[in-house]
N, C-alpha and C. Protein backbone atom coordinates (compact mmCIF):
# COMPACT_ATOMS: atom_id res chain seq x y z
N MET A 1 0.85 -1.20 0.00
CA MET A 1 0.00 0.00 0.00
C MET A 1 0.88 1.24 0.00
N ARG A 2 0.60 2.18 -0.90
CA ARG A 2 1.41 3.40 -0.99
C ARG A 2 0.86 4.44 -0.01
N ASP A 3 1.32 4.38 1.21
CA ASP A 3 0.81 5.32 2.22
C ASP A 3 1.93 6.01 2.99
N ARG A 4 3.17 5.94 2.46
CA ARG A 4 4.30 6.55 3.15
C ARG A 4 4.91 7.66 2.30
N VAL A 5 5.10 8.80 2.94
CA VAL A 5 5.81 9.91 2.30
C VAL A 5 7.20 9.96 2.92
N PHE A 6 8.20 9.71 2.12
CA PHE A 6 9.58 9.68 2.60
C PHE A 6 10.22 11.05 2.39
N VAL A 7 10.90 11.55 3.42
CA VAL A 7 11.58 12.84 3.33
C VAL A 7 13.05 12.65 3.71
N LEU A 8 13.92 13.13 2.87
CA LEU A 8 15.36 12.99 3.10
C LEU A 8 15.82 13.92 4.22
N VAL A 9 16.63 13.39 5.13
CA VAL A 9 17.22 14.20 6.20
C VAL A 9 18.73 13.97 6.21
N PHE A 10 19.47 15.02 6.54
CA PHE A 10 20.93 14.94 6.59
C PHE A 10 21.42 16.12 7.42
N ASP A 11 22.67 16.10 7.84
CA ASP A 11 23.21 17.21 8.62
C ASP A 11 23.11 18.50 7.82
N GLY A 12 22.45 19.51 8.41
CA GLY A 12 22.29 20.79 7.75
C GLY A 12 21.08 20.88 6.85
N VAL A 13 20.17 19.90 6.91
CA VAL A 13 18.98 19.94 6.07
C VAL A 13 18.13 21.16 6.46
N ALA A 14 17.60 21.84 5.45
CA ALA A 14 16.77 23.02 5.68
C ALA A 14 15.35 22.56 6.04
N ASP A 15 15.17 22.21 7.29
CA ASP A 15 13.90 21.62 7.74
C ASP A 15 12.71 22.54 7.51
N TRP A 16 12.92 23.84 7.59
CA TRP A 16 11.81 24.78 7.44
C TRP A 16 11.24 24.77 6.03
N GLN A 17 12.03 24.33 5.04
CA GLN A 17 11.54 24.33 3.67
C GLN A 17 10.43 23.32 3.44
N VAL A 18 10.40 22.28 4.24
CA VAL A 18 9.39 21.22 4.05
C VAL A 18 8.44 21.08 5.23
N ALA A 19 8.63 21.87 6.27
CA ALA A 19 7.84 21.70 7.50
C ALA A 19 6.35 21.89 7.25
N LEU A 20 5.97 22.92 6.52
CA LEU A 20 4.56 23.19 6.29
C LEU A 20 3.92 22.08 5.46
N ALA A 21 4.61 21.63 4.44
CA ALA A 21 4.09 20.54 3.61
C ALA A 21 3.90 19.28 4.44
N LEU A 22 4.88 18.93 5.27
CA LEU A 22 4.79 17.71 6.05
C LEU A 22 3.67 17.78 7.08
N ALA A 23 3.47 18.96 7.66
CA ALA A 23 2.38 19.12 8.63
C ALA A 23 1.03 18.89 7.97
N GLU A 24 0.86 19.40 6.76
CA GLU A 24 -0.41 19.21 6.05
C GLU A 24 -0.58 17.77 5.60
N ILE A 25 0.50 17.09 5.24
CA ILE A 25 0.42 15.68 4.85
C ILE A 25 -0.08 14.84 6.02
N ARG A 26 0.40 15.14 7.22
CA ARG A 26 0.03 14.34 8.39
C ARG A 26 -1.36 14.68 8.93
N ARG A 27 -1.87 15.85 8.62
CA ARG A 27 -3.12 16.31 9.22
C ARG A 27 -4.29 15.35 8.99
N PRO A 28 -4.52 14.85 7.77
CA PRO A 28 -5.67 13.97 7.57
C PRO A 28 -5.54 12.60 8.24
N GLY A 29 -4.31 12.20 8.59
CA GLY A 29 -4.09 10.93 9.25
C GLY A 29 -4.03 9.73 8.32
N GLU A 30 -3.98 9.96 7.02
CA GLU A 30 -3.96 8.86 6.05
C GLU A 30 -2.55 8.53 5.57
N TRP A 31 -1.60 9.39 5.86
CA TRP A 31 -0.25 9.23 5.35
C TRP A 31 0.74 9.13 6.50
N GLU A 32 1.75 8.31 6.32
CA GLU A 32 2.83 8.19 7.29
C GLU A 32 4.06 8.90 6.74
N VAL A 33 4.58 9.84 7.50
CA VAL A 33 5.80 10.54 7.10
C VAL A 33 6.99 9.83 7.73
N ARG A 34 7.93 9.42 6.91
CA ARG A 34 9.12 8.73 7.39
C ARG A 34 10.37 9.44 6.90
N THR A 35 11.34 9.58 7.80
CA THR A 35 12.59 10.24 7.46
C THR A 35 13.59 9.22 6.90
N VAL A 36 14.38 9.68 5.93
CA VAL A 36 15.34 8.81 5.26
C VAL A 36 16.72 9.45 5.37
N GLY A 37 17.69 8.70 5.88
CA GLY A 37 19.05 9.21 6.03
C GLY A 37 20.05 8.43 5.21
N PHE A 38 21.24 8.99 5.07
CA PHE A 38 22.31 8.28 4.37
C PHE A 38 22.86 7.15 5.23
N THR A 39 22.75 7.32 6.55
CA THR A 39 23.10 6.26 7.50
C THR A 39 21.96 6.19 8.51
N GLY A 40 22.11 5.32 9.48
CA GLY A 40 21.11 5.22 10.52
C GLY A 40 21.39 6.13 11.70
N GLU A 41 22.43 6.97 11.60
CA GLU A 41 22.82 7.83 12.69
C GLU A 41 21.97 9.11 12.71
N PRO A 42 21.78 9.70 13.91
CA PRO A 42 21.00 10.95 14.00
C PRO A 42 21.68 12.07 13.21
N VAL A 43 20.87 12.97 12.71
CA VAL A 43 21.38 14.14 12.00
C VAL A 43 20.87 15.39 12.69
N THR A 44 21.55 16.51 12.44
CA THR A 44 21.14 17.78 13.01
C THR A 44 20.71 18.71 11.89
N THR A 45 19.48 19.20 11.98
CA THR A 45 18.94 20.06 10.92
C THR A 45 19.52 21.46 11.04
N MET A 46 19.22 22.29 10.04
CA MET A 46 19.68 23.66 10.05
C MET A 46 19.15 24.42 11.26
N SER A 47 17.98 24.02 11.73
CA SER A 47 17.38 24.67 12.90
C SER A 47 17.91 24.14 14.22
N GLY A 48 18.77 23.11 14.16
CA GLY A 48 19.35 22.56 15.38
C GLY A 48 18.58 21.39 15.96
N LEU A 49 17.59 20.86 15.24
CA LEU A 49 16.84 19.71 15.72
C LEU A 49 17.59 18.43 15.39
N ARG A 50 17.64 17.50 16.33
CA ARG A 50 18.26 16.20 16.08
C ARG A 50 17.18 15.23 15.62
N VAL A 51 17.44 14.59 14.49
CA VAL A 51 16.46 13.70 13.88
C VAL A 51 17.08 12.32 13.68
N MET A 52 16.38 11.29 14.12
CA MET A 52 16.81 9.92 13.90
C MET A 52 16.12 9.38 12.65
N PRO A 53 16.86 9.07 11.60
CA PRO A 53 16.22 8.55 10.37
C PRO A 53 15.45 7.26 10.65
N ASP A 54 14.29 7.15 10.02
CA ASP A 54 13.51 5.92 10.11
C ASP A 54 14.05 4.87 9.16
N ASP A 55 14.55 5.32 8.02
CA ASP A 55 15.02 4.41 6.97
C ASP A 55 16.33 4.93 6.40
N ARG A 56 16.98 4.09 5.61
CA ARG A 56 18.21 4.49 4.92
C ARG A 56 17.94 4.64 3.43
N VAL A 57 18.73 5.50 2.80
CA VAL A 57 18.58 5.75 1.36
C VAL A 57 18.68 4.45 0.57
N ASP A 58 19.56 3.55 1.01
CA ASP A 58 19.78 2.32 0.25
C ASP A 58 18.88 1.18 0.68
N GLY A 59 17.84 1.47 1.49
CA GLY A 59 16.97 0.38 1.94
C GLY A 59 15.50 0.71 1.95
N LEU A 60 15.07 1.58 1.03
CA LEU A 60 13.68 2.03 1.02
C LEU A 60 12.77 0.96 0.41
N ASP A 61 11.59 0.83 0.99
CA ASP A 61 10.57 -0.06 0.44
C ASP A 61 9.76 0.73 -0.59
N LEU A 62 10.13 0.60 -1.85
CA LEU A 62 9.51 1.40 -2.91
C LEU A 62 8.03 1.11 -3.08
N GLY A 63 7.62 -0.08 -2.69
CA GLY A 63 6.22 -0.44 -2.84
C GLY A 63 5.29 0.32 -1.92
N THR A 64 5.82 0.96 -0.89
CA THR A 64 5.00 1.73 0.05
C THR A 64 5.10 3.23 -0.19
N ALA A 65 5.92 3.63 -1.15
CA ALA A 65 6.19 5.06 -1.35
C ALA A 65 5.04 5.76 -2.06
N ALA A 66 4.47 6.76 -1.39
CA ALA A 66 3.46 7.63 -2.01
C ALA A 66 4.13 8.87 -2.58
N MET A 67 5.29 9.23 -2.03
CA MET A 67 6.04 10.40 -2.50
C MET A 67 7.41 10.41 -1.84
N LEU A 68 8.39 10.98 -2.55
CA LEU A 68 9.71 11.25 -1.99
C LEU A 68 9.92 12.75 -1.98
N VAL A 69 10.30 13.30 -0.82
CA VAL A 69 10.50 14.74 -0.67
C VAL A 69 11.98 15.00 -0.40
N LEU A 70 12.57 15.89 -1.21
CA LEU A 70 14.00 16.21 -1.08
C LEU A 70 14.16 17.69 -0.71
N PRO A 71 14.51 17.99 0.53
CA PRO A 71 14.75 19.38 0.92
C PRO A 71 16.11 19.87 0.45
N GLY A 72 16.33 21.16 0.59
CA GLY A 72 17.65 21.72 0.38
C GLY A 72 18.41 21.73 1.70
N GLY A 73 19.50 22.47 1.73
CA GLY A 73 20.28 22.54 2.96
C GLY A 73 21.74 22.73 2.67
N HIS A 74 22.55 22.50 3.69
CA HIS A 74 23.99 22.65 3.55
C HIS A 74 24.57 21.55 2.68
N LEU A 75 25.86 21.51 2.62
CA LEU A 75 26.60 20.69 1.67
C LEU A 75 26.12 19.24 1.58
N TRP A 76 25.83 18.82 0.37
CA TRP A 76 25.69 17.40 0.06
C TRP A 76 26.98 16.99 -0.62
N LEU A 77 27.58 15.89 -0.19
CA LEU A 77 28.76 15.38 -0.86
C LEU A 77 28.35 14.83 -2.23
N PRO A 78 29.24 14.93 -3.23
CA PRO A 78 28.91 14.41 -4.57
C PRO A 78 28.39 12.98 -4.54
N ARG A 79 28.98 12.15 -3.67
CA ARG A 79 28.54 10.75 -3.57
C ARG A 79 27.10 10.69 -3.06
N GLN A 80 26.76 11.58 -2.13
CA GLN A 80 25.41 11.59 -1.59
C GLN A 80 24.40 12.05 -2.64
N ILE A 81 24.77 13.06 -3.42
CA ILE A 81 23.88 13.53 -4.48
C ILE A 81 23.59 12.41 -5.47
N GLU A 82 24.61 11.63 -5.80
CA GLU A 82 24.41 10.53 -6.73
C GLU A 82 23.51 9.46 -6.11
N GLN A 83 23.68 9.20 -4.81
CA GLN A 83 22.82 8.24 -4.13
C GLN A 83 21.36 8.67 -4.21
N VAL A 84 21.13 9.96 -3.97
CA VAL A 84 19.76 10.48 -4.00
C VAL A 84 19.22 10.47 -5.42
N ALA A 85 20.06 10.76 -6.39
CA ALA A 85 19.62 10.71 -7.79
C ALA A 85 19.14 9.31 -8.14
N VAL A 86 19.88 8.30 -7.71
CA VAL A 86 19.48 6.90 -7.96
C VAL A 86 18.16 6.61 -7.26
N LEU A 87 18.03 7.07 -6.01
CA LEU A 87 16.79 6.86 -5.26
C LEU A 87 15.62 7.54 -5.95
N ALA A 88 15.81 8.78 -6.37
CA ALA A 88 14.73 9.53 -7.03
C ALA A 88 14.29 8.83 -8.30
N ARG A 89 15.24 8.35 -9.09
CA ARG A 89 14.88 7.62 -10.31
C ARG A 89 14.08 6.37 -9.98
N SER A 90 14.48 5.68 -8.92
CA SER A 90 13.80 4.44 -8.54
C SER A 90 12.38 4.70 -8.08
N VAL A 91 12.20 5.74 -7.26
CA VAL A 91 10.87 6.07 -6.75
C VAL A 91 9.96 6.49 -7.91
N HIS A 92 10.49 7.34 -8.79
CA HIS A 92 9.70 7.82 -9.92
C HIS A 92 9.35 6.66 -10.86
N ALA A 93 10.29 5.77 -11.11
CA ALA A 93 10.04 4.61 -11.98
C ALA A 93 9.02 3.66 -11.36
N ALA A 94 8.95 3.66 -10.03
CA ALA A 94 7.99 2.79 -9.34
C ALA A 94 6.59 3.38 -9.34
N GLY A 95 6.44 4.61 -9.87
CA GLY A 95 5.12 5.19 -10.01
C GLY A 95 4.74 6.22 -8.96
N ALA A 96 5.67 6.61 -8.11
CA ALA A 96 5.38 7.61 -7.09
C ALA A 96 6.02 8.95 -7.47
N PRO A 97 5.37 10.07 -7.16
CA PRO A 97 5.95 11.37 -7.48
C PRO A 97 7.15 11.70 -6.59
N VAL A 98 8.02 12.56 -7.09
CA VAL A 98 9.14 13.06 -6.31
C VAL A 98 9.03 14.58 -6.25
N ALA A 99 9.37 15.14 -5.10
CA ALA A 99 9.25 16.59 -4.88
C ALA A 99 10.56 17.11 -4.32
N ALA A 100 11.08 18.18 -4.91
CA ALA A 100 12.37 18.72 -4.48
C ALA A 100 12.34 20.23 -4.43
N ILE A 101 13.00 20.78 -3.45
CA ILE A 101 13.10 22.22 -3.28
C ILE A 101 14.57 22.59 -3.08
N ASP A 102 14.96 23.78 -3.58
CA ASP A 102 16.31 24.28 -3.37
C ASP A 102 17.33 23.30 -3.96
N GLU A 103 18.39 22.92 -3.21
CA GLU A 103 19.41 22.02 -3.74
C GLU A 103 18.87 20.64 -4.07
N GLY A 104 17.71 20.29 -3.52
CA GLY A 104 17.11 19.01 -3.85
C GLY A 104 16.82 18.90 -5.33
N VAL A 105 16.56 20.03 -5.99
CA VAL A 105 16.30 20.02 -7.43
C VAL A 105 17.53 19.53 -8.20
N LEU A 106 18.72 19.81 -7.67
CA LEU A 106 19.94 19.38 -8.35
C LEU A 106 20.02 17.86 -8.42
N ALA A 107 19.53 17.18 -7.38
CA ALA A 107 19.53 15.72 -7.39
C ALA A 107 18.59 15.20 -8.48
N LEU A 108 17.45 15.87 -8.66
CA LEU A 108 16.53 15.47 -9.72
C LEU A 108 17.14 15.70 -11.10
N ALA A 109 17.92 16.79 -11.21
CA ALA A 109 18.61 17.05 -12.48
C ALA A 109 19.62 15.96 -12.77
N ARG A 110 20.36 15.55 -11.75
CA ARG A 110 21.34 14.47 -11.94
C ARG A 110 20.65 13.16 -12.31
N ALA A 111 19.42 13.01 -11.82
CA ALA A 111 18.66 11.79 -12.13
C ALA A 111 18.05 11.84 -13.53
N GLY A 112 18.11 13.00 -14.17
CA GLY A 112 17.53 13.15 -15.50
C GLY A 112 16.02 13.29 -15.48
N LEU A 113 15.45 13.60 -14.33
CA LEU A 113 14.00 13.63 -14.19
C LEU A 113 13.38 14.96 -14.60
N ILE A 114 14.19 15.99 -14.83
CA ILE A 114 13.61 17.28 -15.21
C ILE A 114 14.05 17.73 -16.61
N ASP A 115 14.66 16.84 -17.35
CA ASP A 115 15.08 17.20 -18.70
C ASP A 115 13.88 17.42 -19.63
N ASP A 116 12.80 16.69 -19.39
CA ASP A 116 11.67 16.71 -20.31
C ASP A 116 10.36 17.17 -19.67
N CYS A 117 10.43 17.82 -18.52
CA CYS A 117 9.22 18.32 -17.88
C CYS A 117 9.44 19.76 -17.40
N ARG A 118 8.38 20.50 -17.33
CA ARG A 118 8.45 21.87 -16.83
C ARG A 118 8.93 21.84 -15.38
N HIS A 119 9.89 22.72 -15.07
CA HIS A 119 10.44 22.74 -13.71
C HIS A 119 10.98 24.12 -13.40
N THR A 120 11.33 24.30 -12.14
CA THR A 120 11.95 25.56 -11.72
C THR A 120 13.05 25.25 -10.71
N GLY A 121 13.65 26.30 -10.17
CA GLY A 121 14.72 26.13 -9.20
C GLY A 121 15.04 27.46 -8.56
N ASN A 122 16.24 27.59 -8.03
CA ASN A 122 16.59 28.81 -7.30
C ASN A 122 16.78 30.01 -8.23
N TRP A 123 17.48 29.80 -9.35
CA TRP A 123 17.67 30.88 -10.31
C TRP A 123 18.12 30.27 -11.65
N PRO A 124 17.81 30.96 -12.75
CA PRO A 124 18.22 30.46 -14.06
C PRO A 124 19.74 30.31 -14.14
N GLY A 125 20.17 29.20 -14.64
CA GLY A 125 21.60 28.97 -14.81
C GLY A 125 22.23 28.14 -13.72
N GLN A 126 21.60 28.06 -12.54
CA GLN A 126 22.22 27.31 -11.45
C GLN A 126 22.33 25.82 -11.78
N ILE A 127 21.25 25.25 -12.29
CA ILE A 127 21.24 23.81 -12.54
C ILE A 127 22.29 23.44 -13.58
N GLY A 128 22.34 24.21 -14.69
CA GLY A 128 23.32 23.93 -15.73
C GLY A 128 24.74 24.05 -15.23
N ARG A 129 24.97 24.98 -14.31
CA ARG A 129 26.31 25.17 -13.76
C ARG A 129 26.71 24.02 -12.85
N GLU A 130 25.74 23.49 -12.09
CA GLU A 130 26.04 22.49 -11.06
C GLU A 130 25.94 21.05 -11.57
N VAL A 131 25.17 20.84 -12.63
CA VAL A 131 24.89 19.47 -13.07
C VAL A 131 25.33 19.27 -14.52
N PRO A 132 26.48 18.65 -14.75
CA PRO A 132 26.91 18.35 -16.12
C PRO A 132 25.89 17.41 -16.78
N GLY A 133 25.57 17.68 -18.00
CA GLY A 133 24.64 16.82 -18.71
C GLY A 133 23.18 17.22 -18.59
N TYR A 134 22.91 18.24 -17.78
CA TYR A 134 21.53 18.73 -17.66
C TYR A 134 21.05 19.22 -19.02
N ALA A 135 19.88 18.73 -19.44
CA ALA A 135 19.38 19.05 -20.77
C ALA A 135 17.99 19.67 -20.73
N GLY A 136 17.62 20.24 -19.59
CA GLY A 136 16.27 20.76 -19.46
C GLY A 136 16.15 22.27 -19.52
N HIS A 137 17.14 22.94 -20.10
CA HIS A 137 17.14 24.40 -20.13
C HIS A 137 15.85 24.99 -20.70
N GLU A 138 15.35 24.38 -21.75
CA GLU A 138 14.15 24.90 -22.41
C GLU A 138 12.89 24.69 -21.58
N GLN A 139 12.97 23.80 -20.61
CA GLN A 139 11.81 23.49 -19.76
C GLN A 139 11.81 24.30 -18.46
N TYR A 140 12.86 25.06 -18.22
CA TYR A 140 12.97 25.81 -16.98
C TYR A 140 12.02 27.01 -16.99
N ASP A 141 11.24 27.15 -15.91
CA ASP A 141 10.27 28.25 -15.78
C ASP A 141 10.72 29.16 -14.65
N ALA A 142 11.22 30.33 -15.00
CA ALA A 142 11.71 31.28 -14.00
C ALA A 142 10.60 32.16 -13.44
N GLN A 143 9.36 31.98 -13.92
CA GLN A 143 8.26 32.85 -13.51
C GLN A 143 7.46 32.29 -12.34
N VAL A 144 7.80 31.09 -11.87
CA VAL A 144 7.05 30.47 -10.78
C VAL A 144 8.00 30.08 -9.65
N LEU A 145 7.47 29.96 -8.45
CA LEU A 145 8.26 29.53 -7.31
C LEU A 145 8.19 28.02 -7.11
N ALA A 146 7.18 27.39 -7.67
CA ALA A 146 7.05 25.93 -7.61
C ALA A 146 6.16 25.49 -8.75
N VAL A 147 6.41 24.27 -9.23
CA VAL A 147 5.61 23.75 -10.34
C VAL A 147 5.63 22.23 -10.29
N SER A 148 4.54 21.64 -10.76
CA SER A 148 4.43 20.19 -10.84
C SER A 148 4.20 19.77 -12.28
N ASP A 149 4.95 18.78 -12.75
CA ASP A 149 4.77 18.29 -14.11
C ASP A 149 5.40 16.90 -14.23
N GLY A 150 4.69 15.98 -14.83
CA GLY A 150 5.25 14.66 -15.10
C GLY A 150 5.64 13.88 -13.87
N GLY A 151 4.91 14.03 -12.78
CA GLY A 151 5.24 13.31 -11.55
C GLY A 151 6.42 13.88 -10.81
N VAL A 152 6.79 15.12 -11.13
CA VAL A 152 7.93 15.78 -10.49
C VAL A 152 7.51 17.17 -10.02
N ILE A 153 7.81 17.48 -8.77
CA ILE A 153 7.55 18.80 -8.20
C ILE A 153 8.90 19.45 -7.92
N THR A 154 9.08 20.69 -8.39
CA THR A 154 10.30 21.43 -8.12
C THR A 154 9.95 22.80 -7.55
N ALA A 155 10.85 23.35 -6.75
CA ALA A 155 10.57 24.64 -6.13
C ALA A 155 11.85 25.40 -5.84
N SER A 156 11.74 26.71 -5.88
CA SER A 156 12.81 27.61 -5.46
C SER A 156 12.93 27.57 -3.95
N HIS A 157 14.10 27.94 -3.44
CA HIS A 157 14.28 28.02 -1.99
C HIS A 157 13.39 29.10 -1.37
N LEU A 158 12.84 29.99 -2.20
CA LEU A 158 11.93 31.02 -1.71
C LEU A 158 10.46 30.60 -1.80
N GLY A 159 10.21 29.37 -2.24
CA GLY A 159 8.84 28.96 -2.51
C GLY A 159 8.31 27.84 -1.63
N SER A 160 8.60 27.87 -0.33
CA SER A 160 8.17 26.77 0.53
C SER A 160 6.64 26.65 0.61
N ILE A 161 5.93 27.78 0.57
CA ILE A 161 4.47 27.72 0.61
C ILE A 161 3.93 27.16 -0.71
N GLU A 162 4.48 27.63 -1.82
CA GLU A 162 4.08 27.09 -3.13
C GLU A 162 4.44 25.61 -3.25
N PHE A 163 5.58 25.24 -2.69
CA PHE A 163 6.00 23.84 -2.67
C PHE A 163 4.97 22.99 -1.93
N ALA A 164 4.54 23.47 -0.77
CA ALA A 164 3.52 22.76 0.00
C ALA A 164 2.23 22.66 -0.78
N ARG A 165 1.86 23.75 -1.47
CA ARG A 165 0.62 23.73 -2.25
C ARG A 165 0.67 22.66 -3.34
N GLU A 166 1.81 22.54 -4.04
CA GLU A 166 1.92 21.54 -5.10
C GLU A 166 1.86 20.12 -4.53
N ILE A 167 2.45 19.92 -3.37
CA ILE A 167 2.42 18.61 -2.72
C ILE A 167 1.00 18.27 -2.29
N ILE A 168 0.31 19.25 -1.69
CA ILE A 168 -1.08 19.05 -1.28
C ILE A 168 -1.95 18.67 -2.48
N HIS A 169 -1.74 19.35 -3.59
CA HIS A 169 -2.50 19.06 -4.80
C HIS A 169 -2.18 17.68 -5.34
N THR A 170 -0.90 17.34 -5.40
CA THR A 170 -0.48 16.06 -5.96
C THR A 170 -1.02 14.89 -5.15
N LEU A 171 -1.04 15.02 -3.83
CA LEU A 171 -1.56 13.96 -2.96
C LEU A 171 -3.08 14.05 -2.80
N ASP A 172 -3.68 15.02 -3.47
CA ASP A 172 -5.14 15.19 -3.47
C ASP A 172 -5.68 15.39 -2.05
N LEU A 173 -4.97 16.22 -1.28
CA LEU A 173 -5.45 16.54 0.07
C LEU A 173 -6.48 17.67 -0.02
N TYR A 174 -7.57 17.52 0.68
CA TYR A 174 -8.63 18.53 0.73
C TYR A 174 -9.31 18.69 -0.63
N SER A 175 -10.34 19.48 -0.66
CA SER A 175 -11.03 19.76 -1.91
C SER A 175 -10.29 20.86 -2.67
N ARG A 176 -10.64 21.05 -3.94
CA ARG A 176 -9.98 22.08 -4.74
C ARG A 176 -10.16 23.46 -4.11
N SER A 177 -11.39 23.77 -3.66
CA SER A 177 -11.64 25.09 -3.07
C SER A 177 -10.90 25.24 -1.74
N ASP A 178 -10.85 24.17 -0.94
CA ASP A 178 -10.13 24.24 0.33
C ASP A 178 -8.64 24.44 0.10
N ARG A 179 -8.10 23.84 -0.95
CA ARG A 179 -6.68 24.05 -1.26
C ARG A 179 -6.40 25.50 -1.60
N GLU A 180 -7.32 26.11 -2.34
CA GLU A 180 -7.14 27.52 -2.69
C GLU A 180 -7.26 28.41 -1.46
N HIS A 181 -8.22 28.10 -0.59
CA HIS A 181 -8.35 28.87 0.65
C HIS A 181 -7.11 28.70 1.53
N TRP A 182 -6.56 27.47 1.55
CA TRP A 182 -5.35 27.21 2.34
C TRP A 182 -4.20 28.09 1.83
N TYR A 183 -4.03 28.12 0.51
CA TYR A 183 -2.93 28.92 -0.05
C TYR A 183 -3.11 30.40 0.25
N ARG A 184 -4.29 30.91 0.08
CA ARG A 184 -4.54 32.33 0.33
C ARG A 184 -4.32 32.67 1.81
N LEU A 185 -4.64 31.74 2.70
CA LEU A 185 -4.44 31.97 4.12
C LEU A 185 -2.96 32.07 4.46
N PHE A 186 -2.17 31.11 3.99
CA PHE A 186 -0.76 31.09 4.36
C PHE A 186 0.10 32.06 3.55
N LYS A 187 -0.30 32.35 2.31
CA LYS A 187 0.50 33.22 1.48
C LYS A 187 0.11 34.68 1.62
N GLN A 188 -1.19 34.94 1.74
CA GLN A 188 -1.69 36.32 1.71
C GLN A 188 -2.41 36.73 2.99
N ALA A 189 -2.46 35.82 3.97
CA ALA A 189 -3.15 36.09 5.24
C ALA A 189 -4.62 36.42 5.04
N VAL A 190 -5.24 35.79 4.03
CA VAL A 190 -6.67 35.97 3.77
C VAL A 190 -7.40 34.77 4.36
N PRO A 191 -8.18 34.96 5.42
CA PRO A 191 -8.86 33.82 6.05
C PRO A 191 -9.97 33.28 5.16
N PRO A 192 -10.25 31.99 5.28
CA PRO A 192 -11.35 31.40 4.50
C PRO A 192 -12.68 31.98 4.94
N PRO A 193 -13.72 31.91 4.10
CA PRO A 193 -14.99 32.55 4.41
C PRO A 193 -15.65 32.03 5.67
N TRP A 194 -15.42 30.78 6.02
CA TRP A 194 -16.06 30.23 7.21
C TRP A 194 -15.34 30.64 8.50
N PHE A 195 -14.15 31.20 8.37
CA PHE A 195 -13.36 31.56 9.55
C PHE A 195 -14.07 32.62 10.40
N ALA A 196 -14.61 33.65 9.76
CA ALA A 196 -15.29 34.72 10.48
C ALA A 196 -16.53 34.20 11.18
N THR A 197 -17.26 33.29 10.52
CA THR A 197 -18.48 32.73 11.12
C THR A 197 -18.15 31.92 12.36
N GLU A 198 -17.11 31.08 12.26
CA GLU A 198 -16.72 30.26 13.41
C GLU A 198 -16.29 31.13 14.58
N ASN A 199 -15.50 32.19 14.29
CA ASN A 199 -15.06 33.08 15.37
C ASN A 199 -16.22 33.82 16.00
N ALA A 200 -17.20 34.21 15.18
CA ALA A 200 -18.36 34.92 15.72
C ALA A 200 -19.14 34.02 16.65
N GLU A 201 -19.26 32.73 16.30
CA GLU A 201 -19.99 31.79 17.14
C GLU A 201 -19.27 31.58 18.47
N VAL A 202 -17.92 31.55 18.44
CA VAL A 202 -17.16 31.40 19.67
C VAL A 202 -17.35 32.60 20.57
N ILE A 203 -17.30 33.81 19.97
CA ILE A 203 -17.48 35.04 20.76
C ILE A 203 -18.86 35.09 21.37
N GLU A 204 -19.88 34.72 20.59
CA GLU A 204 -21.23 34.75 21.11
C GLU A 204 -21.41 33.75 22.26
N ALA A 205 -20.79 32.58 22.11
CA ALA A 205 -20.91 31.56 23.15
C ALA A 205 -20.22 32.00 24.44
N ALA A 206 -19.18 32.80 24.30
CA ALA A 206 -18.46 33.29 25.48
C ALA A 206 -19.29 34.33 26.22
């Protein structure tokens, strides 16, 4: 059963880039979020949180994968990037979407997963500079902070809310209108229409 969302963790991982998305994934209670490390040892995130990986990169059960999430963060060693590229190709080939933000997009580029689909990243030119053999220049969209295409979600390091929105949409969380209200609430501080009614009822009851 595909009910696990795997998120990569490593020393210096930018935990804040995926925190909102992961919180929304867990909210309905239908998905299990599991952390994946290069080893089984604890890692320290950019925010200073110590995280014990649930699984290892080289031992994932692909049959349970509903999605793979790749955050950005501090230095990934070249060997680690290649490991993640192999993992991303395997997850995508198994029929599950992959989502990457910031430096995580570079791993997808190394995997060849964004050569033929619309994608974005931190800035034009970064992927070509960092990833030899990248052939997706014509597919790069510099006008968006996050985009989903062909089972691949990519996002700029400035687009954590848009990244969460694309993940919510891909996993079909909430209704279409609720997803739009969610985005407007977190991005523009515009409360959903029922928010005022609920607050009024609370005030009246008090």
